[in-house]
Protein backbone atom coordinates (compact mmCIF):
# COMPACT_ATOMS: atom_id res chain seq x y z
CA UNK A 1 -5.21 -7.09 -30.32
CA UNK A 2 -7.63 -4.37 -30.87
CA UNK A 3 -8.22 -2.14 -27.57
CA UNK A 4 -10.43 1.13 -27.43
CA UNK A 5 -9.58 3.36 -24.73
CA UNK A 6 -13.34 4.96 -23.87
CA UNK A 7 -14.35 8.46 -22.99
CA UNK A 8 -13.78 8.12 -18.87
CA UNK A 9 -9.63 8.31 -19.51
CA UNK A 10 -7.83 10.60 -21.60
CA UNK A 11 -7.53 10.02 -25.49
CA UNK A 12 -4.20 10.95 -25.28
CA UNK A 13 -3.54 7.87 -22.88
CA UNK A 14 -4.67 5.54 -26.22
CA UNK A 15 -2.53 7.66 -28.60
CA UNK A 16 0.85 7.14 -26.53
CA UNK A 17 -0.44 3.04 -25.91
CA UNK A 18 -0.92 2.97 -29.81
CA UNK A 19 2.28 4.71 -30.34
CA UNK A 20 4.30 2.08 -28.45
CA UNK A 21 2.39 -1.37 -29.36
CA UNK A 22 1.70 -0.50 -32.86
CA UNK A 23 4.93 -2.37 -34.13
CA UNK A 24 3.84 -5.58 -32.10
CA UNK A 25 0.71 -5.84 -34.17
CA UNK A 26 -1.71 -3.74 -31.34
CA UNK A 27 -4.67 -1.39 -32.35
CA UNK A 28 -5.61 0.93 -29.43
CA UNK A 29 -7.36 3.95 -30.12
CA UNK A 30 -9.61 6.36 -28.51
CA UNK A 31 -13.55 6.38 -28.80
CA UNK A 32 -13.65 9.50 -29.97
CA UNK A 33 -11.02 8.73 -32.80
CA UNK A 34 -12.56 6.05 -33.49
CA UNK A 35 -16.14 6.85 -33.84
CA UNK A 36 -15.67 10.55 -34.78
CA UNK A 37 -17.69 11.67 -31.74
CA UNK A 38 -17.25 11.74 -28.07
CA UNK A 39 -20.52 11.52 -27.18
CA UNK A 40 -22.03 8.26 -27.68
CA UNK A 41 -23.61 6.03 -25.29
CA UNK A 42 -22.35 2.97 -24.25
CA UNK A 43 -25.20 1.04 -25.99
CA UNK A 44 -23.74 2.58 -28.84
CA UNK A 45 -20.06 1.82 -28.95
CA UNK A 46 -20.95 -1.47 -27.49
CA UNK A 47 -23.13 -2.73 -30.19
CA UNK A 48 -20.43 -1.23 -32.91
CA UNK A 49 -17.35 -3.22 -31.09
CA UNK A 50 -19.45 -6.77 -30.81
CA UNK A 51 -20.23 -6.56 -34.62
CA UNK A 52 -15.98 -5.77 -35.34
CA UNK A 53 -15.24 -8.68 -32.58
CA UNK A 54 -12.64 -9.57 -30.24
CA UNK A 55 -11.94 -5.95 -28.85
CA UNK A 56 -10.87 -4.97 -25.40
CA UNK A 57 -11.81 -2.12 -23.38
CA UNK A 58 -9.66 0.08 -20.90
CA UNK A 59 -12.56 2.52 -18.92
CA UNK A 60 -12.88 4.21 -15.61
CA UNK A 61 -16.37 3.67 -15.65
CA UNK A 62 -16.77 0.43 -13.73
CA UNK A 63 -20.61 1.00 -14.14
CA UNK A 64 -20.63 -1.08 -17.16
CA UNK A 65 -19.09 -3.53 -15.27
CA UNK A 66 -21.87 -3.83 -12.45
CA UNK A 67 -25.02 -2.82 -13.78
CA UNK A 68 -27.77 -3.95 -15.96
CA UNK A 69 -28.34 -3.98 -18.63
CA UNK A 70 -25.12 -2.35 -19.75
CA UNK A 71 -22.79 -5.46 -18.09
CA UNK A 72 -24.94 -7.76 -19.78
CA UNK A 73 -24.65 -6.11 -23.54
CA UNK A 74 -20.98 -5.75 -22.97
CA UNK A 75 -20.36 -9.37 -21.90
CA UNK A 76 -22.66 -10.39 -24.52
CA UNK A 77 -20.77 -8.32 -27.24
CA UNK A 78 -17.52 -10.64 -26.47
CA UNK A 79 -15.98 -7.68 -25.34
CA UNK A 80 -13.31 -7.94 -22.19
CA UNK A 81 -12.81 -4.78 -20.19
CA UNK A 82 -9.78 -3.21 -17.71
CA UNK A 83 -11.50 -0.92 -15.34
CA UNK A 84 -9.25 1.73 -13.85
CA UNK A 85 -9.68 1.51 -10.00
CA UNK A 86 -10.31 4.77 -7.87
CA UNK A 87 -6.56 4.97 -7.16
CA UNK A 88 -5.42 4.86 -10.80
CA UNK A 89 -7.94 7.08 -11.81
CA UNK A 90 -6.70 9.77 -9.90
CA UNK A 91 -2.99 9.46 -10.93
CA UNK A 92 -1.20 11.68 -13.43
CA UNK A 93 -1.80 10.51 -17.13
CA UNK A 94 2.15 9.24 -17.41
CA UNK A 95 1.56 6.74 -14.27
CA UNK A 96 -1.88 5.83 -15.65
CA UNK A 97 0.54 4.79 -19.08
CA UNK A 98 3.31 3.53 -17.16
CA UNK A 99 0.43 1.46 -14.92
CA UNK A 100 -1.35 0.10 -18.32
CA UNK A 101 2.27 -0.79 -20.14
CA UNK A 102 3.76 -2.59 -17.36
CA UNK A 103 0.30 -4.36 -17.39
CA UNK A 104 0.37 -4.97 -21.20
CA UNK A 105 1.83 -8.77 -21.30
CA UNK A 106 -0.77 -9.67 -18.97
CA UNK A 107 -3.73 -7.44 -20.40
CA UNK A 108 -2.72 -9.94 -23.36
CA UNK A 109 -3.08 -12.99 -21.69
CA UNK A 110 -6.53 -11.66 -20.21
CA UNK A 111 -7.58 -11.41 -23.52
CA UNK A 112 -6.27 -14.54 -24.88
CA UNK A 113 -7.82 -16.54 -22.25
CA UNK A 114 -11.14 -14.87 -21.88
CA UNK A 115 -13.84 -14.61 -24.28
CA UNK A 116 -15.47 -12.10 -22.66
CA UNK A 117 -15.62 -10.31 -18.89
CA UNK A 118 -14.98 -7.22 -16.73
CA UNK A 119 -11.78 -6.90 -14.83
CA UNK A 120 -10.59 -4.24 -12.12
CA UNK A 121 -6.79 -3.48 -13.50
CA UNK A 122 -4.56 -3.75 -10.01
CA UNK A 123 -3.07 -0.57 -8.93
CA UNK A 124 0.21 -2.82 -7.26
CA UNK A 125 0.39 -6.69 -8.25
CA UNK A 126 -0.47 -8.47 -11.45
CA UNK A 127 -3.44 -10.02 -10.37
CA UNK A 128 -6.74 -8.56 -11.84
CA UNK A 129 -9.90 -8.62 -10.00
CA UNK A 130 -13.03 -10.15 -12.11
CA UNK A 131 -15.67 -7.52 -11.41
CA UNK A 132 -19.91 -7.90 -11.12
CA UNK A 133 -19.69 -11.88 -11.39
């Protein structure tokens, strides 16, 4: 599974997740590490990931999932997004990482089952809520 962590989350989160899951064949990369700069517009990185195919995205920017034209571009690009709820965004990095790690099998399932989509990561439990449908 290929996962990009966008600029609304710490790049260290991507690096930690990559170290943990690379032996299972997963590639996790921060947006600024993948593209060599942090100031890309959403439209730029979404289009680039679309050309590569089958990416998932971890983000704290629900605007992408809710507002046009970002949402239409994101869905049309075949991306599956997992958006942190405000309660998780406020947590320390180690708590964010722990939550993502605990949900990793469920994230894999969502990516496998959905060609695209925007989901809010649960701060408790395991149920992902679809955003902006």
